[in-house]
Amino acid sequence: MLTADHSTINSASTSSYGKEQNSLLRLTGSHKVTYSPNSDWDCYVDVAQRSIDMDLVLPHYRARYQPVDHRMNMFVGTEAGPVKLKVCRNFSRCHFYLEVQASMSDVTLWLPSDFKGRIQYSGKAKFSSGFVNRVMPNVYFTDEDNDTSGEDCVLIVTNGIIMFRMWDVQTCSPENPPKETLKRLFSCSKRAPETTMDWDFLLED
């Protein structure tokens, strides 16, 4: 995967919108992402020495004057402390772009079960059973910036460990690990090319 590069976080941190929003955002709990026509980012978080544990709640409707093909653009950056993010949506047509710049921090990311699009990351990745069962078949991993506005996109830059998990759009809650593990044991899900699986649970003869 790509080599860690902080050029993106440096350019993003020059946004006056981002600096203003940092003082307003709580770094834990639920945060509603709203369309921001005067900024490149609909949600912007950039902190230095703090951990992040947020639920990013995508809108279930299109805002007034929001272009039909607009993706909700979210940026989360930190230099230290673990990062935990849940991308929550109940409207599949609300596509999103999420960029996480986390330096050496570990990142745990719950993606919606109806995710369809591109994932690009650095660091060592692990995949939960729920992610493999529900999300993996609709993901392609690439180092190229060739996504379109009609799909979801995730970019994670860190030298830490990345844990991909699934947020269930049907129950509006994180995956149920025991349930998803049983599904994984008794089914065969597509394995994404050029990825190394690190199972939460593995049964061998």
C-alpha atoms as a PDB file:
ATOM      1  CA  MET A   1       0.000   0.000   0.000  1.00  0.00           C
ATOM      2  CA  LEU A   2       1.009   3.625  -0.280  1.00  0.00           C
ATOM      3  CA  THR A   3       3.774   5.165   1.804  1.00  0.00           C
ATOM      4  CA  ALA A   4       2.671   7.457   4.615  1.00  0.00           C
ATOM      5  CA  ASP A   5       2.642  11.047   3.466  1.00  0.00           C
ATOM      6  CA  HIS A   6       1.448  14.042   5.466  1.00  0.00           C
ATOM      7  CA  SER A   7       1.211  16.471   2.566  1.00  0.00           C
ATOM      8  CA  THR A   8      -2.559  16.149   2.622  1.00  0.00           C
ATOM      9  CA  ILE A   9      -2.948  16.926   6.300  1.00  0.00           C
ATOM     10  CA  ASN A  10      -0.666  19.946   5.975  1.00  0.00           C
ATOM     11  CA  SER A  11      -2.646  21.406   3.104  1.00  0.00           C
ATOM     12  CA  ALA A  12      -5.964  20.665   4.758  1.00  0.00           C
ATOM     13  CA  SER A  13      -4.949  22.310   8.024  1.00  0.00           C
ATOM     14  CA  THR A  14      -4.695  25.685   6.275  1.00  0.00           C
ATOM     15  CA  SER A  15      -8.475  25.766   5.968  1.00  0.00           C
ATOM     16  CA  SER A  16      -9.942  28.549   8.129  1.00  0.00           C
ATOM     17  CA  TYR A  17     -13.172  26.554   8.246  1.00  0.00           C
ATOM     18  CA  GLY A  18     -11.260  23.615   9.726  1.00  0.00           C
ATOM     19  CA  LYS A  19      -9.629  25.708  12.434  1.00  0.00           C
ATOM     20  CA  GLU A  20     -12.966  27.209  13.419  1.00  0.00           C
ATOM     21  CA  GLN A  21     -14.708  23.857  13.482  1.00  0.00           C
ATOM     22  CA  ASN A  22     -12.042  22.225  15.662  1.00  0.00           C
ATOM     23  CA  SER A  23     -13.030  24.428  18.578  1.00  0.00           C
ATOM     24  CA  LEU A  24     -16.683  23.500  18.141  1.00  0.00           C
ATOM     25  CA  LEU A  25     -16.463  19.734  17.670  1.00  0.00           C
ATOM     26  CA  ARG A  26     -16.535  17.216  20.473  1.00  0.00           C
ATOM     27  CA  LEU A  27     -14.057  14.430  19.757  1.00  0.00           C
ATOM     28  CA  THR A  28     -16.293  11.762  21.286  1.00  0.00           C
ATOM     29  CA  GLY A  29     -19.856  10.730  20.631  1.00  0.00           C
ATOM     30  CA  SER A  30     -22.166  11.475  17.735  1.00  0.00           C
ATOM     31  CA  HIS A  31     -21.550  14.236  15.189  1.00  0.00           C
ATOM     32  CA  LYS A  32     -23.990  15.085  12.397  1.00  0.00           C
ATOM     33  CA  VAL A  33     -22.212  15.781   9.114  1.00  0.00           C
ATOM     34  CA  THR A  34     -23.865  18.615   7.199  1.00  0.00           C
ATOM     35  CA  TYR A  35     -23.300  20.056   3.744  1.00  0.00           C
ATOM     36  CA  SER A  36     -20.913  23.044   3.867  1.00  0.00           C
ATOM     37  CA  PRO A  37     -21.003  24.888   0.537  1.00  0.00           C
ATOM     38  CA  ASN A  38     -18.251  27.357   1.492  1.00  0.00           C
ATOM     39  CA  SER A  39     -15.636  24.740   2.371  1.00  0.00           C
ATOM     40  CA  ASP A  40     -13.845  21.809   0.801  1.00  0.00           C
ATOM     41  CA  TRP A  41     -14.807  19.739   3.869  1.00  0.00           C
ATOM     42  CA  ASP A  42     -18.254  19.002   5.257  1.00  0.00           C
ATOM     43  CA  CYS A  43     -16.592  17.713   8.424  1.00  0.00           C
ATOM     44  CA  TYR A  44     -13.065  18.666   9.493  1.00  0.00           C
ATOM     45  CA  VAL A  45     -11.190  17.498  12.604  1.00  0.00           C
ATOM     46  CA  ASP A  46      -7.464  18.148  13.068  1.00  0.00           C
ATOM     47  CA  VAL A  47      -5.944  17.752  16.532  1.00  0.00           C
ATOM     48  CA  ALA A  48      -2.418  17.117  17.791  1.00  0.00           C
ATOM     49  CA  GLN A  49      -2.294  15.053  20.985  1.00  0.00           C
ATOM     50  CA  ARG A  50      -5.835  13.804  21.567  1.00  0.00           C
ATOM     51  CA  SER A  51      -7.663  10.551  20.932  1.00  0.00           C
ATOM     52  CA  ILE A  52     -10.779  10.527  18.735  1.00  0.00           C
ATOM     53  CA  ASP A  53     -13.886   8.365  19.156  1.00  0.00           C
ATOM     54  CA  MET A  54     -16.649   9.729  16.942  1.00  0.00           C
ATOM     55  CA  ASP A  55     -19.804   8.596  15.177  1.00  0.00           C
ATOM     56  CA  LEU A  56     -19.983  10.469  11.871  1.00  0.00           C
ATOM     57  CA  VAL A  57     -23.700  10.553  11.083  1.00  0.00           C
ATOM     58  CA  LEU A  58     -24.378  11.217   7.406  1.00  0.00           C
ATOM     59  CA  PRO A  59     -27.551  13.110   6.446  1.00  0.00           C
ATOM     60  CA  HIS A  60     -30.577  11.165   5.240  1.00  0.00           C
ATOM     61  CA  TYR A  61     -31.641  13.958   2.886  1.00  0.00           C
ATOM     62  CA  ARG A  62     -30.024  16.328   0.402  1.00  0.00           C
ATOM     63  CA  ALA A  63     -29.609  19.847   1.702  1.00  0.00           C
ATOM     64  CA  ARG A  64     -30.969  22.857  -0.142  1.00  0.00           C
ATOM     65  CA  TYR A  65     -28.596  23.945  -2.933  1.00  0.00           C
ATOM     66  CA  GLN A  66     -26.502  20.797  -2.481  1.00  0.00           C
ATOM     67  CA  PRO A  67     -25.476  19.423  -5.912  1.00  0.00           C
ATOM     68  CA  VAL A  68     -27.014  16.071  -6.735  1.00  0.00           C
ATOM     69  CA  ASP A  69     -23.607  14.450  -7.263  1.00  0.00           C
ATOM     70  CA  HIS A  70     -21.967  15.939  -4.153  1.00  0.00           C
ATOM     71  CA  ARG A  71     -20.147  13.528  -1.836  1.00  0.00           C
ATOM     72  CA  MET A  72     -19.937  14.345   1.861  1.00  0.00           C
ATOM     73  CA  ASN A  73     -16.235  15.124   2.390  1.00  0.00           C
ATOM     74  CA  MET A  74     -14.784  14.335   5.811  1.00  0.00           C
ATOM     75  CA  PHE A  75     -11.261  14.826   7.158  1.00  0.00           C
ATOM     76  CA  VAL A  76      -9.925  13.509  10.463  1.00  0.00           C
ATOM     77  CA  GLY A  77      -6.317  14.097  11.507  1.00  0.00           C
ATOM     78  CA  THR A  78      -4.322  13.494  14.670  1.00  0.00           C
ATOM     79  CA  GLU A  79      -0.648  13.164  15.568  1.00  0.00           C
ATOM     80  CA  ALA A  80      -1.142  10.971  18.646  1.00  0.00           C
ATOM     81  CA  GLY A  81      -3.857   8.932  20.319  1.00  0.00           C
ATOM     82  CA  PRO A  82      -6.049   6.154  18.912  1.00  0.00           C
ATOM     83  CA  VAL A  83      -8.702   6.954  16.335  1.00  0.00           C
ATOM     84  CA  LYS A  84     -12.120   5.282  16.339  1.00  0.00           C
ATOM     85  CA  LEU A  85     -14.637   6.337  13.703  1.00  0.00           C
ATOM     86  CA  LYS A  86     -18.063   4.985  12.829  1.00  0.00           C
ATOM     87  CA  VAL A  87     -19.516   6.143   9.510  1.00  0.00           C
ATOM     88  CA  CYS A  88     -23.279   5.911  10.041  1.00  0.00           C
ATOM     89  CA  ARG A  89     -25.807   6.321   7.267  1.00  0.00           C
ATOM     90  CA  ASN A  90     -29.304   5.124   6.465  1.00  0.00           C
ATOM     91  CA  PHE A  91     -29.503   6.577   2.960  1.00  0.00           C
ATOM     92  CA  SER A  92     -27.279   4.666   0.538  1.00  0.00           C
ATOM     93  CA  ARG A  93     -27.332   7.433  -2.090  1.00  0.00           C
ATOM     94  CA  CYS A  94     -25.413   9.690   0.311  1.00  0.00           C
ATOM     95  CA  HIS A  95     -21.906   8.874  -0.896  1.00  0.00           C
ATOM     96  CA  PHE A  96     -18.890  10.011   1.087  1.00  0.00           C
ATOM     97  CA  TYR A  97     -15.157  10.614   0.965  1.00  0.00           C
ATOM     98  CA  LEU A  98     -13.292  10.047   4.235  1.00  0.00           C
ATOM     99  CA  GLU A  99      -9.629  10.910   4.730  1.00  0.00           C
ATOM    100  CA  VAL A 100      -7.824   9.934   7.920  1.00  0.00           C
ATOM    101  CA  GLN A 101      -4.272  11.149   8.611  1.00  0.00           C
ATOM    102  CA  ALA A 102      -3.135   9.536  11.853  1.00  0.00           C
ATOM    103  CA  SER A 103       0.685   9.553  11.927  1.00  0.00           C
ATOM    104  CA  MET A 104       1.633   6.585  14.172  1.00  0.00           C
ATOM    105  CA  SER A 105      -1.814   6.059  15.685  1.00  0.00           C
ATOM    106  CA  ASP A 106      -3.944   2.933  15.442  1.00  0.00           C
ATOM    107  CA  VAL A 107      -7.211   3.428  13.566  1.00  0.00           C
ATOM    108  CA  THR A 108     -10.470   1.501  13.980  1.00  0.00           C
ATOM    109  CA  LEU A 109     -13.022   2.270  11.287  1.00  0.00           C
ATOM    110  CA  TRP A 110     -16.604   1.026  11.009  1.00  0.00           C
ATOM    111  CA  LEU A 111     -17.861   1.370   7.425  1.00  0.00           C
ATOM    112  CA  PRO A 112     -21.541   1.039   6.485  1.00  0.00           C
ATOM    113  CA  SER A 113     -22.575  -2.393   5.270  1.00  0.00           C
ATOM    114  CA  ASP A 114     -23.783  -0.870   1.970  1.00  0.00           C
ATOM    115  CA  PHE A 115     -20.363   0.655   1.250  1.00  0.00           C
ATOM    116  CA  LYS A 116     -19.427   0.507  -2.440  1.00  0.00           C
ATOM    117  CA  GLY A 117     -16.179   1.965  -3.675  1.00  0.00           C
ATOM    118  CA  ARG A 118     -12.448   2.420  -3.122  1.00  0.00           C
ATOM    119  CA  ILE A 119     -10.207   2.014  -0.084  1.00  0.00           C
ATOM    120  CA  GLN A 120      -6.609   3.193  -0.026  1.00  0.00           C
ATOM    121  CA  TYR A 121      -4.442   2.803   3.054  1.00  0.00           C
ATOM    122  CA  SER A 122      -0.972   2.564   4.553  1.00  0.00           C
ATOM    123  CA  GLY A 123      -0.065   0.574   7.637  1.00  0.00           C
ATOM    124  CA  LYS A 124      -1.103  -2.955   8.566  1.00  0.00           C
ATOM    125  CA  ALA A 125      -4.774  -3.754   8.000  1.00  0.00           C
ATOM    126  CA  LYS A 126      -7.009  -6.212   9.850  1.00  0.00           C
ATOM    127  CA  PHE A 127     -10.547  -7.123   8.861  1.00  0.00           C
ATOM    128  CA  SER A 128     -13.407  -8.191  11.124  1.00  0.00           C
ATOM    129  CA  SER A 129     -15.771 -11.000  10.146  1.00  0.00           C
ATOM    130  CA  GLY A 130     -18.587  -8.512   9.605  1.00  0.00           C
ATOM    131  CA  PHE A 131     -16.462  -6.459   7.232  1.00  0.00           C
ATOM    132  CA  VAL A 132     -15.467  -9.562   5.242  1.00  0.00           C
ATOM    133  CA  ASN A 133     -19.057 -10.813   5.102  1.00  0.00           C
ATOM    134  CA  ARG A 134     -20.868  -7.623   4.150  1.00  0.00           C
ATOM    135  CA  VAL A 135     -18.432  -4.958   2.929  1.00  0.00           C
ATOM    136  CA  MET A 136     -15.489  -6.725   1.293  1.00  0.00           C
ATOM    137  CA  PRO A 137     -17.403  -7.927  -1.815  1.00  0.00           C
ATOM    138  CA  ASN A 138     -18.095  -4.288  -2.781  1.00  0.00           C
ATOM    139  CA  VAL A 139     -14.596  -2.890  -2.121  1.00  0.00           C
ATOM    140  CA  TYR A 140     -11.615  -2.483  -4.384  1.00  0.00           C
ATOM    141  CA  PHE A 141      -8.206  -1.657  -2.930  1.00  0.00           C
ATOM    142  CA  THR A 142      -5.945   0.589  -4.973  1.00  0.00           C
ATOM    143  CA  ASP A 143      -3.101   3.090  -4.710  1.00  0.00           C
ATOM    144  CA  GLU A 144      -4.501   5.255  -7.493  1.00  0.00           C
ATOM    145  CA  ASP A 145      -6.813   8.242  -7.132  1.00  0.00           C
ATOM    146  CA  ASN A 146      -9.322   7.046  -9.700  1.00  0.00           C
ATOM    147  CA  ASP A 147     -12.590   7.186  -7.790  1.00  0.00           C
ATOM    148  CA  THR A 148     -15.707   9.006  -8.943  1.00  0.00           C
ATOM    149  CA  SER A 149     -18.400  11.001  -7.180  1.00  0.00           C
ATOM    150  CA  GLY A 150     -20.807   8.091  -7.649  1.00  0.00           C
ATOM    151  CA  GLU A 151     -18.976   5.856  -5.174  1.00  0.00           C
ATOM    152  CA  ASP A 152     -17.657   5.857  -1.632  1.00  0.00           C
ATOM    153  CA  CYS A 153     -13.970   6.447  -0.971  1.00  0.00           C
ATOM    154  CA  VAL A 154     -11.726   5.999   2.081  1.00  0.00           C
ATOM    155  CA  LEU A 155      -8.087   7.073   2.416  1.00  0.00           C
ATOM    156  CA  ILE A 156      -6.141   6.221   5.586  1.00  0.00           C
ATOM    157  CA  VAL A 157      -2.527   7.241   6.139  1.00  0.00           C
ATOM    158  CA  THR A 158      -0.887   5.894   9.294  1.00  0.00           C
ATOM    159  CA  ASN A 159       2.043   3.788  10.409  1.00  0.00           C
ATOM    160  CA  GLY A 160      -0.170   2.136  13.004  1.00  0.00           C
ATOM    161  CA  ILE A 161      -2.609  -0.773  12.754  1.00  0.00           C
ATOM    162  CA  ILE A 162      -5.899  -0.272  10.912  1.00  0.00           C
ATOM    163  CA  MET A 163      -8.940  -2.317  11.939  1.00  0.00           C
ATOM    164  CA  PHE A 164     -11.798  -2.368   9.438  1.00  0.00           C
ATOM    165  CA  ARG A 165     -15.208  -3.212  10.899  1.00  0.00           C
ATOM    166  CA  MET A 166     -18.802  -3.061   9.667  1.00  0.00           C
ATOM    167  CA  TRP A 167     -21.604  -0.708  10.701  1.00  0.00           C
ATOM    168  CA  ASP A 168     -24.932  -2.414   9.967  1.00  0.00           C
ATOM    169  CA  VAL A 169     -27.272  -0.081   8.081  1.00  0.00           C
ATOM    170  CA  GLN A 170     -30.254  -2.352   8.799  1.00  0.00           C
ATOM    171  CA  THR A 171     -29.933  -2.313  12.575  1.00  0.00           C
ATOM    172  CA  CYS A 172     -28.221   1.114  12.724  1.00  0.00           C
ATOM    173  CA  SER A 173     -25.566  -0.337  15.008  1.00  0.00           C
ATOM    174  CA  PRO A 174     -22.043  -1.796  14.918  1.00  0.00           C
ATOM    175  CA  GLU A 175     -21.666  -5.389  13.814  1.00  0.00           C
ATOM    176  CA  ASN A 176     -22.396  -8.259  16.198  1.00  0.00           C
ATOM    177  CA  PRO A 177     -19.013 -10.101  16.312  1.00  0.00           C
ATOM    178  CA  PRO A 178     -20.280 -13.569  17.411  1.00  0.00           C
ATOM    179  CA  LYS A 179     -23.076 -13.512  14.827  1.00  0.00           C
ATOM    180  CA  GLU A 180     -20.789 -12.383  12.004  1.00  0.00           C
ATOM    181  CA  THR A 181     -18.128 -14.930  12.975  1.00  0.00           C
ATOM    182  CA  LEU A 182     -20.659 -17.749  12.674  1.00  0.00           C
ATOM    183  CA  LYS A 183     -21.730 -16.420   9.276  1.00  0.00           C
ATOM    184  CA  ARG A 184     -18.109 -16.387   8.203  1.00  0.00           C
ATOM    185  CA  LEU A 185     -17.570 -19.980   9.333  1.00  0.00           C
ATOM    186  CA  PHE A 186     -20.504 -21.313   7.330  1.00  0.00           C
ATOM    187  CA  SER A 187     -20.148 -19.236   4.181  1.00  0.00           C
ATOM    188  CA  CYS A 188     -17.534 -18.218   1.635  1.00  0.00           C
ATOM    189  CA  SER A 189     -17.074 -14.494   1.057  1.00  0.00           C
ATOM    190  CA  LYS A 190     -15.037 -12.925  -1.693  1.00  0.00           C
ATOM    191  CA  ARG A 191     -11.428 -12.189  -0.785  1.00  0.00           C
ATOM    192  CA  ALA A 192     -10.145  -8.863  -2.026  1.00  0.00           C
ATOM    193  CA  PRO A 193      -7.017  -9.086  -4.189  1.00  0.00           C
ATOM    194  CA  GLU A 194      -3.643  -8.010  -2.803  1.00  0.00           C
ATOM    195  CA  THR A 195      -4.787  -7.912   0.809  1.00  0.00           C
ATOM    196  CA  THR A 196      -3.565  -9.972   3.730  1.00  0.00           C
ATOM    197  CA  MET A 197      -6.313 -11.243   5.996  1.00  0.00           C
ATOM    198  CA  ASP A 198      -5.840 -11.084   9.745  1.00  0.00           C
ATOM    199  CA  TRP A 199      -8.841 -12.937  11.134  1.00  0.00           C
ATOM    200  CA  ASP A 200     -10.481 -12.188  14.480  1.00  0.00           C
ATOM    201  CA  PHE A 201     -11.296 -15.925  14.542  1.00  0.00           C
ATOM    202  CA  LEU A 202      -9.717 -18.758  12.571  1.00  0.00           C
ATOM    203  CA  LEU A 203     -10.481 -22.487  12.669  1.00  0.00           C
ATOM    204  CA  GLU A 204      -7.918 -24.874  11.224  1.00  0.00           C
ATOM    205  CA  ASP A 205      -7.844 -28.667  10.902  1.00  0.00           C
END
